[in-house]
Amino acid sequence: MKPNNIYRITIDGDNPRQYHLHSRWLAEVYLQTYRQMGKQVSIEQLVDGFWQPLQVYYTGA
């Protein structure tokens, strides 16, 4: 069985971007960085061939 370690981050705004990452740690770094910049960010994880929303709690500290 393959590990579910593929993440998709979508950054909304005037110039929307999408990143596909193979590390949860790196995905969380991207998420925190863009949120600190005031961007709307969503993160999803690839599970059994489908993108599922992933809850990551960030306090902004």
PDB file of N, CA and C in Angstrom:
ATOM      1  N   MET A   1       0.834  -1.179   0.000  1.00  0.00           N
ATOM      2  CA  MET A   1       0.000   0.000   0.000  1.00  0.00           C
ATOM      3  C   MET A   1       0.881   1.245   0.000  1.00  0.00           C
ATOM      4  N   LYS A   2       0.563   2.193  -0.845  1.00  0.00           N
ATOM      5  CA  LYS A   2       1.353   3.417  -0.940  1.00  0.00           C
ATOM      6  C   LYS A   2       1.053   4.351   0.228  1.00  0.00           C
ATOM      7  N   PRO A   3       2.082   5.045   0.745  1.00  0.00           N
ATOM      8  CA  PRO A   3       1.811   6.049   1.779  1.00  0.00           C
ATOM      9  C   PRO A   3       1.106   7.256   1.158  1.00  0.00           C
ATOM     10  N   ASN A   4       0.240   7.888   1.939  1.00  0.00           N
ATOM     11  CA  ASN A   4      -0.479   9.081   1.469  1.00  0.00           C
ATOM     12  C   ASN A   4       0.325  10.314   1.859  1.00  0.00           C
ATOM     13  N   ASN A   5       1.356  10.597   1.106  1.00  0.00           N
ATOM     14  CA  ASN A   5       2.210  11.722   1.453  1.00  0.00           C
ATOM     15  C   ASN A   5       2.345  12.707   0.301  1.00  0.00           C
ATOM     16  N   ILE A   6       1.272  12.895  -0.434  1.00  0.00           N
ATOM     17  CA  ILE A   6       1.263  13.895  -1.500  1.00  0.00           C
ATOM     18  C   ILE A   6       0.238  14.948  -1.123  1.00  0.00           C
ATOM     19  N   TYR A   7       0.677  16.206  -1.129  1.00  0.00           N
ATOM     20  CA  TYR A   7      -0.169  17.311  -0.694  1.00  0.00           C
ATOM     21  C   TYR A   7      -0.291  18.330  -1.808  1.00  0.00           C
ATOM     22  N   ARG A   8      -1.454  18.963  -1.884  1.00  0.00           N
ATOM     23  CA  ARG A   8      -1.692  20.031  -2.859  1.00  0.00           C
ATOM     24  C   ARG A   8      -2.099  21.274  -2.081  1.00  0.00           C
ATOM     25  N   ILE A   9      -1.350  22.346  -2.305  1.00  0.00           N
ATOM     26  CA  ILE A   9      -1.654  23.629  -1.673  1.00  0.00           C
ATOM     27  C   ILE A   9      -2.114  24.583  -2.761  1.00  0.00           C
ATOM     28  N   THR A  10      -3.244  25.244  -2.522  1.00  0.00           N
ATOM     29  CA  THR A  10      -3.789  26.219  -3.459  1.00  0.00           C
ATOM     30  C   THR A  10      -3.810  27.573  -2.775  1.00  0.00           C
ATOM     31  N   ILE A  11      -3.190  28.571  -3.408  1.00  0.00           N
ATOM     32  CA  ILE A  11      -3.148  29.936  -2.897  1.00  0.00           C
ATOM     33  C   ILE A  11      -4.049  30.782  -3.781  1.00  0.00           C
ATOM     34  N   ASP A  12      -5.089  31.361  -3.177  1.00  0.00           N
ATOM     35  CA  ASP A  12      -6.025  32.203  -3.915  1.00  0.00           C
ATOM     36  C   ASP A  12      -5.506  33.632  -3.967  1.00  0.00           C
ATOM     37  N   GLY A  13      -6.064  34.418  -4.862  1.00  0.00           N
ATOM     38  CA  GLY A  13      -5.699  35.821  -4.978  1.00  0.00           C
ATOM     39  C   GLY A  13      -5.695  36.264  -6.427  1.00  0.00           C
ATOM     40  N   ASP A  14      -5.042  37.405  -6.685  1.00  0.00           N
ATOM     41  CA  ASP A  14      -4.973  37.942  -8.040  1.00  0.00           C
ATOM     42  C   ASP A  14      -4.221  37.005  -8.985  1.00  0.00           C
ATOM     43  N   ASN A  15      -3.225  36.324  -8.448  1.00  0.00           N
ATOM     44  CA  ASN A  15      -2.417  35.391  -9.237  1.00  0.00           C
ATOM     45  C   ASN A  15      -2.430  34.028  -8.534  1.00  0.00           C
ATOM     46  N   PRO A  16      -3.523  33.248  -8.681  1.00  0.00           N
ATOM     47  CA  PRO A  16      -3.620  31.981  -7.951  1.00  0.00           C
ATOM     48  C   PRO A  16      -2.509  31.009  -8.348  1.00  0.00           C
ATOM     49  N   ARG A  17      -2.039  30.266  -7.351  1.00  0.00           N
ATOM     50  CA  ARG A  17      -0.971  29.295  -7.576  1.00  0.00           C
ATOM     51  C   ARG A  17      -1.340  27.975  -6.919  1.00  0.00           C
ATOM     52  N   GLN A  18      -0.706  26.914  -7.395  1.00  0.00           N
ATOM     53  CA  GLN A  18      -0.917  25.595  -6.820  1.00  0.00           C
ATOM     54  C   GLN A  18       0.432  24.886  -6.744  1.00  0.00           C
ATOM     55  N   TYR A  19       0.683  24.245  -5.603  1.00  0.00           N
ATOM     56  CA  TYR A  19       1.921  23.494  -5.407  1.00  0.00           C
ATOM     57  C   TYR A  19       1.564  22.060  -5.050  1.00  0.00           C
ATOM     58  N   HIS A  20       2.320  21.109  -5.576  1.00  0.00           N
ATOM     59  CA  HIS A  20       2.185  19.701  -5.221  1.00  0.00           C
ATOM     60  C   HIS A  20       3.471  19.307  -4.498  1.00  0.00           C
ATOM     61  N   LEU A  21       3.331  18.872  -3.250  1.00  0.00           N
ATOM     62  CA  LEU A  21       4.491  18.598  -2.404  1.00  0.00           C
ATOM     63  C   LEU A  21       4.431  17.174  -1.866  1.00  0.00           C
ATOM     64  N   HIS A  22       5.603  16.597  -1.606  1.00  0.00           N
ATOM     65  CA  HIS A  22       5.687  15.220  -1.117  1.00  0.00           C
ATOM     66  C   HIS A  22       6.140  15.154   0.334  1.00  0.00           C
ATOM     67  N   SER A  23       6.046  16.261   1.044  1.00  0.00           N
ATOM     68  CA  SER A  23       6.449  16.309   2.442  1.00  0.00           C
ATOM     69  C   SER A  23       5.421  17.118   3.224  1.00  0.00           C
ATOM     70  N   ARG A  24       4.871  16.519   4.286  1.00  0.00           N
ATOM     71  CA  ARG A  24       3.894  17.253   5.092  1.00  0.00           C
ATOM     72  C   ARG A  24       4.565  18.459   5.753  1.00  0.00           C
ATOM     73  N   TRP A  25       5.801  18.277   6.219  1.00  0.00           N
ATOM     74  CA  TRP A  25       6.507  19.369   6.861  1.00  0.00           C
ATOM     75  C   TRP A  25       6.630  20.556   5.902  1.00  0.00           C
ATOM     76  N   LEU A  26       7.042  20.295   4.672  1.00  0.00           N
ATOM     77  CA  LEU A  26       7.194  21.368   3.692  1.00  0.00           C
ATOM     78  C   LEU A  26       5.840  21.985   3.348  1.00  0.00           C
ATOM     79  N   ALA A  27       4.807  21.169   3.251  1.00  0.00           N
ATOM     80  CA  ALA A  27       3.461  21.685   2.983  1.00  0.00           C
ATOM     81  C   ALA A  27       3.027  22.641   4.090  1.00  0.00           C
ATOM     82  N   GLU A  28       3.330  22.304   5.338  1.00  0.00           N
ATOM     83  CA  GLU A  28       2.962  23.174   6.457  1.00  0.00           C
ATOM     84  C   GLU A  28       3.776  24.465   6.446  1.00  0.00           C
ATOM     85  N   VAL A  29       5.035  24.398   6.017  1.00  0.00           N
ATOM     86  CA  VAL A  29       5.852  25.612   5.898  1.00  0.00           C
ATOM     87  C   VAL A  29       5.245  26.548   4.854  1.00  0.00           C
ATOM     88  N   TYR A  30       4.876  26.015   3.696  1.00  0.00           N
ATOM     89  CA  TYR A  30       4.220  26.818   2.657  1.00  0.00           C
ATOM     90  C   TYR A  30       2.934  27.428   3.198  1.00  0.00           C
ATOM     91  N   LEU A  31       2.129  26.605   3.871  1.00  0.00           N
ATOM     92  CA  LEU A  31       0.853  27.049   4.418  1.00  0.00           C
ATOM     93  C   LEU A  31       1.052  28.207   5.391  1.00  0.00           C
ATOM     94  N   GLN A  32       1.968  28.065   6.325  1.00  0.00           N
ATOM     95  CA  GLN A  32       2.227  29.109   7.314  1.00  0.00           C
ATOM     96  C   GLN A  32       2.758  30.377   6.660  1.00  0.00           C
ATOM     97  N   THR A  33       3.661  30.221   5.705  1.00  0.00           N
ATOM     98  CA  THR A  33       4.257  31.380   5.042  1.00  0.00           C
ATOM     99  C   THR A  33       3.202  32.202   4.314  1.00  0.00           C
ATOM    100  N   TYR A  34       2.369  31.551   3.516  1.00  0.00           N
ATOM    101  CA  TYR A  34       1.353  32.284   2.761  1.00  0.00           C
ATOM    102  C   TYR A  34       0.275  32.859   3.666  1.00  0.00           C
ATOM    103  N   ARG A  35      -0.075  32.165   4.751  1.00  0.00           N
ATOM    104  CA  ARG A  35      -1.058  32.722   5.691  1.00  0.00           C
ATOM    105  C   ARG A  35      -0.501  33.954   6.391  1.00  0.00           C
ATOM    106  N   GLN A  36       0.788  33.953   6.711  1.00  0.00           N
ATOM    107  CA  GLN A  36       1.409  35.126   7.327  1.00  0.00           C
ATOM    108  C   GLN A  36       1.398  36.309   6.372  1.00  0.00           C
ATOM    109  N   MET A  37       1.394  36.029   5.074  1.00  0.00           N
ATOM    110  CA  MET A  37       1.341  37.088   4.065  1.00  0.00           C
ATOM    111  C   MET A  37      -0.096  37.536   3.813  1.00  0.00           C
ATOM    112  N   GLY A  38      -1.061  36.934   4.520  1.00  0.00           N
ATOM    113  CA  GLY A  38      -2.453  37.321   4.387  1.00  0.00           C
ATOM    114  C   GLY A  38      -3.182  36.665   3.228  1.00  0.00           C
ATOM    115  N   LYS A  39      -2.640  35.605   2.696  1.00  0.00           N
ATOM    116  CA  LYS A  39      -3.257  34.913   1.560  1.00  0.00           C
ATOM    117  C   LYS A  39      -4.246  33.858   2.054  1.00  0.00           C
ATOM    118  N   GLN A  40      -5.274  33.611   1.247  1.00  0.00           N
ATOM    119  CA  GLN A  40      -6.214  32.517   1.508  1.00  0.00           C
ATOM    120  C   GLN A  40      -5.594  31.241   0.952  1.00  0.00           C
ATOM    121  N   VAL A  41      -5.405  30.243   1.808  1.00  0.00           N
ATOM    122  CA  VAL A  41      -4.697  29.029   1.416  1.00  0.00           C
ATOM    123  C   VAL A  41      -5.533  27.805   1.783  1.00  0.00           C
ATOM    124  N   SER A  42      -5.570  26.833   0.883  1.00  0.00           N
ATOM    125  CA  SER A  42      -6.203  25.551   1.209  1.00  0.00           C
ATOM    126  C   SER A  42      -5.185  24.439   0.973  1.00  0.00           C
ATOM    127  N   ILE A  43      -5.318  23.371   1.750  1.00  0.00           N
ATOM    128  CA  ILE A  43      -4.400  22.239   1.630  1.00  0.00           C
ATOM    129  C   ILE A  43      -5.228  20.960   1.531  1.00  0.00           C
ATOM    130  N   GLU A  44      -4.785  20.084   0.635  1.00  0.00           N
ATOM    131  CA  GLU A  44      -5.462  18.808   0.425  1.00  0.00           C
ATOM    132  C   GLU A  44      -4.422  17.699   0.382  1.00  0.00           C
ATOM    133  N   GLN A  45      -4.869  16.485   0.681  1.00  0.00           N
ATOM    134  CA  GLN A  45      -3.997  15.316   0.646  1.00  0.00           C
ATOM    135  C   GLN A  45      -4.576  14.311  -0.340  1.00  0.00           C
ATOM    136  N   LEU A  46      -3.704  13.681  -1.114  1.00  0.00           N
ATOM    137  CA  LEU A  46      -4.138  12.665  -2.068  1.00  0.00           C
ATOM    138  C   LEU A  46      -4.360  11.344  -1.330  1.00  0.00           C
ATOM    139  N   VAL A  47      -5.623  10.872  -1.351  1.00  0.00           N
ATOM    140  CA  VAL A  47      -5.990   9.634  -0.669  1.00  0.00           C
ATOM    141  C   VAL A  47      -6.735   8.749  -1.661  1.00  0.00           C
ATOM    142  N   ASP A  48      -6.179   7.607  -1.959  1.00  0.00           N
ATOM    143  CA  ASP A  48      -6.805   6.648  -2.883  1.00  0.00           C
ATOM    144  C   ASP A  48      -7.191   7.297  -4.210  1.00  0.00           C
ATOM    145  N   GLY A  49      -6.350   8.185  -4.713  1.00  0.00           N
ATOM    146  CA  GLY A  49      -6.586   8.809  -6.010  1.00  0.00           C
ATOM    147  C   GLY A  49      -7.487  10.024  -5.990  1.00  0.00           C
ATOM    148  N   PHE A  50      -7.946  10.438  -4.814  1.00  0.00           N
ATOM    149  CA  PHE A  50      -8.829  11.599  -4.697  1.00  0.00           C
ATOM    150  C   PHE A  50      -8.228  12.618  -3.741  1.00  0.00           C
ATOM    151  N   TRP A  51      -8.391  13.904  -4.061  1.00  0.00           N
ATOM    152  CA  TRP A  51      -7.915  14.971  -3.184  1.00  0.00           C
ATOM    153  C   TRP A  51      -8.923  15.181  -2.062  1.00  0.00           C
ATOM    154  N   GLN A  52      -8.449  15.067  -0.811  1.00  0.00           N
ATOM    155  CA  GLN A  52      -9.289  15.241   0.369  1.00  0.00           C
ATOM    156  C   GLN A  52      -8.797  16.452   1.150  1.00  0.00           C
ATOM    157  N   PRO A  53      -9.709  17.326   1.611  1.00  0.00           N
ATOM    158  CA  PRO A  53      -9.288  18.472   2.426  1.00  0.00           C
ATOM    159  C   PRO A  53      -8.531  17.985   3.661  1.00  0.00           C
ATOM    160  N   LEU A  54      -7.514  18.727   4.027  1.00  0.00           N
ATOM    161  CA  LEU A  54      -6.693  18.376   5.183  1.00  0.00           C
ATOM    162  C   LEU A  54      -6.761  19.525   6.175  1.00  0.00           C
ATOM    163  N   GLN A  55      -7.038  19.212   7.417  1.00  0.00           N
ATOM    164  CA  GLN A  55      -7.103  20.235   8.454  1.00  0.00           C
ATOM    165  C   GLN A  55      -5.726  20.390   9.099  1.00  0.00           C
ATOM    166  N   VAL A  56      -5.181  21.582   9.001  1.00  0.00           N
ATOM    167  CA  VAL A  56      -3.923  21.914   9.663  1.00  0.00           C
ATOM    168  C   VAL A  56      -4.203  23.142  10.498  1.00  0.00           C
ATOM    169  N   TYR A  57      -3.973  23.030  11.784  1.00  0.00           N
ATOM    170  CA  TYR A  57      -4.264  24.139  12.681  1.00  0.00           C
ATOM    171  C   TYR A  57      -2.999  24.947  12.895  1.00  0.00           C
ATOM    172  N   TYR A  58      -3.101  26.232  12.637  1.00  0.00           N
ATOM    173  CA  TYR A  58      -1.964  27.139  12.751  1.00  0.00           C
ATOM    174  C   TYR A  58      -2.403  28.337  13.565  1.00  0.00           C
ATOM    175  N   THR A  59      -1.667  28.630  14.621  1.00  0.00           N
ATOM    176  CA  THR A  59      -2.049  29.715  15.524  1.00  0.00           C
ATOM    177  C   THR A  59      -1.486  31.059  15.102  1.00  0.00           C
ATOM    178  N   GLY A  60      -0.520  31.065  14.204  1.00  0.00           N
ATOM    179  CA  GLY A  60       0.071  32.327  13.777  1.00  0.00           C
ATOM    180  C   GLY A  60       1.225  32.766  14.652  1.00  0.00           C
ATOM    181  N   ALA A  61       1.654  31.929  15.585  1.00  0.00           N
ATOM    182  CA  ALA A  61       2.750  32.276  16.493  1.00  0.00           C
ATOM    183  C   ALA A  61       4.089  32.057  15.840  1.00  0.00           C
TER     184      ALA A  61
END
